[in-house]
Structures are given as structure tokens and as C-alpha cells.
Amino acid sequence: KNKFKTRQAMTMQTTEAKKEEFRKYLERSGVIDQLTRVLVGLYEQPEKPANAIDFIKKFLGAPSDSDVDSLRDENDKLKDNIKELEKKISDLQNELEIAKANQQAQLVVLALY
């Protein structure tokens, strides 16, 4: 029975030490300060937002769903634009090769005269 109490006490000390280490980590990394600011900001709102989670996300700088949708649309348009520009480059390179070949053919013809 004594061994059980000793083991239980050691486990509790280990758990408390882990909690304390985690708390120190949160403090060092600024998480506690940031959470305090966001909660104070929420508390000071004259009208409490309907969705506290969205308020917290916005306060911390997370993009909203509409921001994400807008960025996805813009990204898709930019990808399409890149494809168009790559095709133009390819077409112009082909035209250049044809023009070079024509020029060389004209030089050969001129050299023969």
C-alpha cells in the first residue's frame, strides 16, 4: 500500500511538472499575452458578437471565409493567366524559329546569286 501511495505521489509530481513546463512554454512564446488581449477585447465589446470564435479568429488575424474564397478565385485567375502567357511564349518562340529559318533560307538564296 505504501508503494502505491509513493507511485501515485510521483505521478502527480510528474504531471504537475509537465503542466508547469507547458505553462512556462505558453508564457515564453507569448500565447498567454495574446489570449489575454483577445479575451479582454471580447470583454470590452459593447455588443457581444454572435460568434465568439469568429471574433477571436479575426482578432488574431486569421482570414475570414470570404477572404479565403477571394484569394482562391484570384489564385485560379493567376494560374490561368500563367498558362496563357506560357502559351504565348511558346508561340513566339516558334515564330522566332520560323523567322530565323526563313532568314537563313533567304541568305542562302542570296549567296547563290
N, C-alpha and C. Protein backbone atom coordinates (compact mmCIF):
# COMPACT_ATOMS: atom_id res chain seq x y z
N LYS A 1 0.82 -1.20 0.00
CA LYS A 1 0.00 0.00 0.00
C LYS A 1 0.86 1.26 0.00
N ASN A 2 1.95 1.21 0.71
CA ASN A 2 2.87 2.34 0.76
C ASN A 2 3.48 2.62 -0.60
N LYS A 3 3.83 1.53 -1.35
CA LYS A 3 4.41 1.69 -2.69
C LYS A 3 3.41 2.38 -3.62
N PHE A 4 2.13 2.03 -3.47
CA PHE A 4 1.09 2.63 -4.30
C PHE A 4 1.00 4.13 -4.04
N LYS A 5 1.03 4.52 -2.78
CA LYS A 5 0.96 5.95 -2.44
C LYS A 5 2.19 6.69 -2.97
N THR A 6 3.34 6.08 -2.86
CA THR A 6 4.57 6.70 -3.36
C THR A 6 4.51 6.87 -4.88
N ARG A 7 4.06 5.81 -5.56
CA ARG A 7 3.96 5.88 -7.02
C ARG A 7 2.95 6.95 -7.44
N GLN A 8 1.82 7.00 -6.73
CA GLN A 8 0.79 7.99 -7.03
C GLN A 8 1.33 9.41 -6.80
N ALA A 9 2.08 9.59 -5.75
CA ALA A 9 2.66 10.91 -5.46
C ALA A 9 3.67 11.29 -6.53
N MET A 10 4.47 10.34 -7.01
CA MET A 10 5.45 10.61 -8.05
C MET A 10 4.75 10.97 -9.36
N THR A 11 3.67 10.26 -9.67
CA THR A 11 2.92 10.53 -10.89
C THR A 11 2.32 11.93 -10.84
N MET A 12 1.79 12.31 -9.68
CA MET A 12 1.20 13.64 -9.53
C MET A 12 2.28 14.72 -9.70
N GLN A 13 3.48 14.47 -9.12
CA GLN A 13 4.57 15.43 -9.26
C GLN A 13 4.98 15.57 -10.73
N THR A 14 5.03 14.44 -11.43
CA THR A 14 5.40 14.46 -12.84
C THR A 14 4.36 15.24 -13.64
N THR A 15 3.08 14.98 -13.36
CA THR A 15 2.01 15.69 -14.05
C THR A 15 2.07 17.18 -13.76
N GLU A 16 2.28 17.54 -12.51
CA GLU A 16 2.39 18.95 -12.15
C GLU A 16 3.60 19.60 -12.82
N ALA A 17 4.70 18.88 -12.89
CA ALA A 17 5.90 19.42 -13.54
C ALA A 17 5.64 19.65 -15.03
N LYS A 18 4.93 18.70 -15.66
CA LYS A 18 4.61 18.86 -17.09
C LYS A 18 3.69 20.05 -17.30
N LYS A 19 2.70 20.21 -16.42
CA LYS A 19 1.79 21.36 -16.52
C LYS A 19 2.56 22.66 -16.37
N GLU A 20 3.46 22.70 -15.41
CA GLU A 20 4.25 23.92 -15.16
C GLU A 20 5.16 24.22 -16.35
N GLU A 21 5.78 23.20 -16.91
CA GLU A 21 6.64 23.38 -18.08
C GLU A 21 5.83 23.91 -19.27
N PHE A 22 4.63 23.36 -19.45
CA PHE A 22 3.77 23.81 -20.54
C PHE A 22 3.33 25.25 -20.33
N ARG A 23 2.98 25.60 -19.10
CA ARG A 23 2.60 26.97 -18.78
C ARG A 23 3.74 27.93 -19.07
N LYS A 24 4.97 27.54 -18.72
CA LYS A 24 6.14 28.38 -18.99
C LYS A 24 6.34 28.53 -20.50
N TYR A 25 6.15 27.44 -21.22
CA TYR A 25 6.27 27.49 -22.68
C TYR A 25 5.26 28.48 -23.27
N LEU A 26 4.00 28.39 -22.83
CA LEU A 26 2.97 29.31 -23.33
C LEU A 26 3.32 30.75 -23.00
N GLU A 27 3.86 30.97 -21.83
CA GLU A 27 4.24 32.31 -21.41
C GLU A 27 5.42 32.83 -22.25
N ARG A 28 6.45 32.00 -22.44
CA ARG A 28 7.63 32.40 -23.22
C ARG A 28 7.26 32.71 -24.67
N SER A 29 6.35 31.94 -25.22
CA SER A 29 6.02 32.10 -26.64
C SER A 29 4.99 33.20 -26.89
N GLY A 30 4.50 33.83 -25.82
CA GLY A 30 3.58 34.95 -25.98
C GLY A 30 2.12 34.55 -26.12
N VAL A 31 1.83 33.27 -25.99
CA VAL A 31 0.46 32.80 -26.16
C VAL A 31 -0.44 33.36 -25.06
N ILE A 32 0.03 33.36 -23.85
CA ILE A 32 -0.80 33.84 -22.73
C ILE A 32 -1.13 35.31 -22.92
N ASP A 33 -0.13 36.12 -23.30
CA ASP A 33 -0.39 37.55 -23.53
C ASP A 33 -1.41 37.75 -24.65
N GLN A 34 -1.24 37.01 -25.74
CA GLN A 34 -2.14 37.16 -26.89
C GLN A 34 -3.56 36.73 -26.52
N LEU A 35 -3.69 35.61 -25.81
CA LEU A 35 -5.02 35.17 -25.38
C LEU A 35 -5.65 36.17 -24.42
N THR A 36 -4.85 36.73 -23.56
CA THR A 36 -5.36 37.75 -22.63
C THR A 36 -5.89 38.95 -23.40
N ARG A 37 -5.12 39.41 -24.40
CA ARG A 37 -5.55 40.55 -25.21
C ARG A 37 -6.86 40.27 -25.93
N VAL A 38 -6.96 39.08 -26.53
CA VAL A 38 -8.17 38.76 -27.29
C VAL A 38 -9.37 38.64 -26.36
N LEU A 39 -9.18 38.06 -25.20
CA LEU A 39 -10.30 37.92 -24.27
C LEU A 39 -10.71 39.28 -23.69
N VAL A 40 -9.75 40.14 -23.44
CA VAL A 40 -10.07 41.50 -22.97
C VAL A 40 -10.81 42.25 -24.09
N GLY A 41 -10.34 42.07 -25.32
CA GLY A 41 -11.01 42.70 -26.46
C GLY A 41 -12.45 42.24 -26.59
N LEU A 42 -12.67 40.96 -26.40
CA LEU A 42 -14.04 40.41 -26.45
C LEU A 42 -14.87 40.96 -25.30
N TYR A 43 -14.28 41.02 -24.14
CA TYR A 43 -14.98 41.52 -22.95
C TYR A 43 -15.39 42.98 -23.15
N GLU A 44 -14.53 43.76 -23.79
CA GLU A 44 -14.78 45.19 -23.94
C GLU A 44 -15.72 45.53 -25.10
N GLN A 45 -16.13 44.54 -25.86
CA GLN A 45 -17.08 44.79 -26.95
C GLN A 45 -18.42 45.23 -26.36
N PRO A 46 -18.94 46.39 -26.78
CA PRO A 46 -20.23 46.85 -26.24
C PRO A 46 -21.35 45.86 -26.59
N GLU A 47 -21.32 45.37 -27.82
CA GLU A 47 -22.28 44.33 -28.21
C GLU A 47 -21.49 43.07 -28.48
N LYS A 48 -21.78 42.05 -27.72
CA LYS A 48 -21.04 40.80 -27.86
C LYS A 48 -21.35 40.18 -29.22
N PRO A 49 -20.31 39.75 -29.94
CA PRO A 49 -20.54 39.15 -31.25
C PRO A 49 -21.33 37.85 -31.13
N ALA A 50 -22.09 37.55 -32.16
CA ALA A 50 -22.89 36.32 -32.17
C ALA A 50 -21.99 35.09 -32.14
N ASN A 51 -20.83 35.20 -32.79
CA ASN A 51 -19.92 34.07 -32.85
C ASN A 51 -18.57 34.49 -32.25
N ALA A 52 -18.34 34.09 -31.02
CA ALA A 52 -17.12 34.48 -30.32
C ALA A 52 -15.88 33.89 -30.99
N ILE A 53 -16.00 32.69 -31.53
CA ILE A 53 -14.85 32.05 -32.19
C ILE A 53 -14.42 32.88 -33.40
N ASP A 54 -15.39 33.33 -34.21
CA ASP A 54 -15.05 34.18 -35.36
C ASP A 54 -14.39 35.48 -34.91
N PHE A 55 -14.89 36.05 -33.82
CA PHE A 55 -14.27 37.27 -33.28
C PHE A 55 -12.82 37.01 -32.91
N ILE A 56 -12.57 35.91 -32.24
CA ILE A 56 -11.21 35.56 -31.80
C ILE A 56 -10.31 35.34 -33.02
N LYS A 57 -10.81 34.61 -34.00
CA LYS A 57 -10.03 34.37 -35.22
C LYS A 57 -9.66 35.70 -35.88
N LYS A 58 -10.67 36.57 -36.02
CA LYS A 58 -10.44 37.87 -36.66
C LYS A 58 -9.45 38.70 -35.85
N PHE A 59 -9.61 38.71 -34.53
CA PHE A 59 -8.73 39.46 -33.65
C PHE A 59 -7.29 38.99 -33.80
N LEU A 60 -7.10 37.69 -33.96
CA LEU A 60 -5.76 37.12 -34.07
C LEU A 60 -5.22 37.20 -35.50
N GLY A 61 -6.06 37.68 -36.44
CA GLY A 61 -5.58 37.89 -37.79
C GLY A 61 -5.84 36.75 -38.76
N ALA A 62 -6.66 35.79 -38.38
CA ALA A 62 -6.98 34.71 -39.30
C ALA A 62 -7.88 35.24 -40.41
N PRO A 63 -7.66 34.77 -41.63
CA PRO A 63 -8.51 35.23 -42.73
C PRO A 63 -9.94 34.71 -42.58
N SER A 64 -10.90 35.50 -43.02
CA SER A 64 -12.28 35.06 -42.97
C SER A 64 -12.55 34.14 -44.15
N ASP A 65 -13.68 33.47 -44.14
CA ASP A 65 -14.04 32.58 -45.24
C ASP A 65 -14.10 33.32 -46.56
N SER A 66 -14.64 34.56 -46.52
CA SER A 66 -14.73 35.33 -47.77
C SER A 66 -13.34 35.72 -48.27
N ASP A 67 -12.40 35.99 -47.34
CA ASP A 67 -11.02 36.29 -47.73
C ASP A 67 -10.40 35.08 -48.43
N VAL A 68 -10.63 33.92 -47.87
CA VAL A 68 -10.07 32.70 -48.43
C VAL A 68 -10.66 32.43 -49.81
N ASP A 69 -11.98 32.59 -49.94
CA ASP A 69 -12.63 32.38 -51.24
C ASP A 69 -12.09 33.37 -52.28
N SER A 70 -11.95 34.61 -51.87
CA SER A 70 -11.44 35.64 -52.77
C SER A 70 -10.02 35.31 -53.21
N LEU A 71 -9.20 34.87 -52.28
CA LEU A 71 -7.81 34.51 -52.60
C LEU A 71 -7.76 33.29 -53.52
N ARG A 72 -8.64 32.33 -53.31
CA ARG A 72 -8.69 31.15 -54.19
C ARG A 72 -9.09 31.56 -55.61
N ASP A 73 -10.09 32.44 -55.73
CA ASP A 73 -10.51 32.91 -57.05
C ASP A 73 -9.34 33.63 -57.74
N GLU A 74 -8.68 34.51 -57.00
CA GLU A 74 -7.56 35.24 -57.56
C GLU A 74 -6.45 34.28 -57.98
N ASN A 75 -6.19 33.29 -57.15
CA ASN A 75 -5.16 32.30 -57.46
C ASN A 75 -5.50 31.54 -58.74
N ASP A 76 -6.77 31.14 -58.90
CA ASP A 76 -7.19 30.44 -60.11
C ASP A 76 -7.00 31.31 -61.34
N LYS A 77 -7.39 32.60 -61.23
CA LYS A 77 -7.22 33.52 -62.36
C LYS A 77 -5.74 33.68 -62.71
N LEU A 78 -4.90 33.80 -61.69
CA LEU A 78 -3.47 33.95 -61.93
C LEU A 78 -2.88 32.70 -62.59
N LYS A 79 -3.34 31.54 -62.17
CA LYS A 79 -2.88 30.29 -62.80
C LYS A 79 -3.28 30.25 -64.27
N ASP A 80 -4.52 30.67 -64.56
CA ASP A 80 -4.97 30.72 -65.96
C ASP A 80 -4.12 31.71 -66.76
N ASN A 81 -3.83 32.86 -66.14
CA ASN A 81 -3.01 33.88 -66.79
C ASN A 81 -1.61 33.32 -67.10
N ILE A 82 -1.06 32.58 -66.17
CA ILE A 82 0.26 31.97 -66.37
C ILE A 82 0.22 31.01 -67.56
N LYS A 83 -0.82 30.19 -67.63
CA LYS A 83 -0.95 29.25 -68.76
C LYS A 83 -1.02 30.00 -70.09
N GLU A 84 -1.81 31.08 -70.13
CA GLU A 84 -1.92 31.88 -71.35
C GLU A 84 -0.57 32.48 -71.74
N LEU A 85 0.14 33.03 -70.75
CA LEU A 85 1.44 33.64 -71.03
C LEU A 85 2.46 32.59 -71.47
N GLU A 86 2.42 31.40 -70.86
CA GLU A 86 3.34 30.34 -71.27
C GLU A 86 3.05 29.92 -72.72
N LYS A 87 1.78 29.88 -73.09
CA LYS A 87 1.41 29.53 -74.48
C LYS A 87 1.91 30.62 -75.43
N LYS A 88 1.73 31.89 -75.04
CA LYS A 88 2.22 32.99 -75.88
C LYS A 88 3.73 32.89 -76.08
N ILE A 89 4.43 32.59 -75.01
CA ILE A 89 5.90 32.45 -75.10
C ILE A 89 6.25 31.33 -76.07
N SER A 90 5.59 30.21 -75.92
CA SER A 90 5.84 29.07 -76.81
C SER A 90 5.55 29.44 -78.26
N ASP A 91 4.41 30.11 -78.49
CA ASP A 91 4.04 30.52 -79.85
C ASP A 91 5.08 31.49 -80.42
N LEU A 92 5.52 32.45 -79.61
CA LEU A 92 6.52 33.42 -80.07
C LEU A 92 7.87 32.75 -80.34
N GLN A 93 8.23 31.77 -79.53
CA GLN A 93 9.47 31.05 -79.77
C GLN A 93 9.40 30.29 -81.10
N ASN A 94 8.23 29.70 -81.35
CA ASN A 94 8.04 29.00 -82.64
C ASN A 94 8.12 29.98 -83.81
N GLU A 95 7.47 31.13 -83.67
CA GLU A 95 7.53 32.15 -84.72
C GLU A 95 8.97 32.61 -84.96
N LEU A 96 9.72 32.77 -83.87
CA LEU A 96 11.11 33.20 -83.98
C LEU A 96 11.93 32.16 -84.73
N GLU A 97 11.73 30.89 -84.40
CA GLU A 97 12.46 29.83 -85.08
C GLU A 97 12.13 29.82 -86.58
N ILE A 98 10.85 30.00 -86.89
CA ILE A 98 10.44 30.04 -88.30
C ILE A 98 11.07 31.24 -89.00
N ALA A 99 11.06 32.40 -88.34
CA ALA A 99 11.66 33.61 -88.92
C ALA A 99 13.15 33.42 -89.14
N LYS A 100 13.83 32.78 -88.19
CA LYS A 100 15.27 32.52 -88.34
C LYS A 100 15.52 31.60 -89.52
N ALA A 101 14.70 30.56 -89.63
CA ALA A 101 14.84 29.62 -90.74
C ALA A 101 14.60 30.31 -92.08
N ASN A 102 13.59 31.16 -92.15
CA ASN A 102 13.31 31.92 -93.37
C ASN A 102 14.46 32.85 -93.72
N GLN A 103 15.01 33.50 -92.69
CA GLN A 103 16.12 34.42 -92.92
C GLN A 103 17.34 33.67 -93.45
N GLN A 104 17.61 32.50 -92.86
CA GLN A 104 18.75 31.71 -93.32
C GLN A 104 18.52 31.24 -94.76
N ALA A 105 17.27 30.85 -95.06
CA ALA A 105 16.95 30.42 -96.43
C ALA A 105 17.16 31.57 -97.40
N GLN A 106 16.75 32.78 -97.02
CA GLN A 106 16.94 33.95 -97.89
C GLN A 106 18.42 34.24 -98.09
N LEU A 107 19.22 34.09 -97.02
CA LEU A 107 20.66 34.32 -97.13
C LEU A 107 21.30 33.31 -98.07
N VAL A 108 20.85 32.08 -98.00
CA VAL A 108 21.38 31.03 -98.88
C VAL A 108 21.02 31.36 -100.33
N VAL A 109 19.78 31.78 -100.55
CA VAL A 109 19.35 32.14 -101.90
C VAL A 109 20.18 33.32 -102.42
N LEU A 110 20.38 34.32 -101.58
CA LEU A 110 21.18 35.49 -101.98
C LEU A 110 22.63 35.11 -102.26
N ALA A 111 23.13 34.18 -101.48
CA ALA A 111 24.53 33.76 -101.65
C ALA A 111 24.70 33.01 -102.96
N LEU A 112 23.66 32.35 -103.39
CA LEU A 112 23.73 31.60 -104.64
C LEU A 112 23.72 32.51 -105.85
N TYR A 113 23.19 33.69 -105.77
CA TYR A 113 23.12 34.63 -106.90
C TYR A 113 24.37 35.38 -107.00
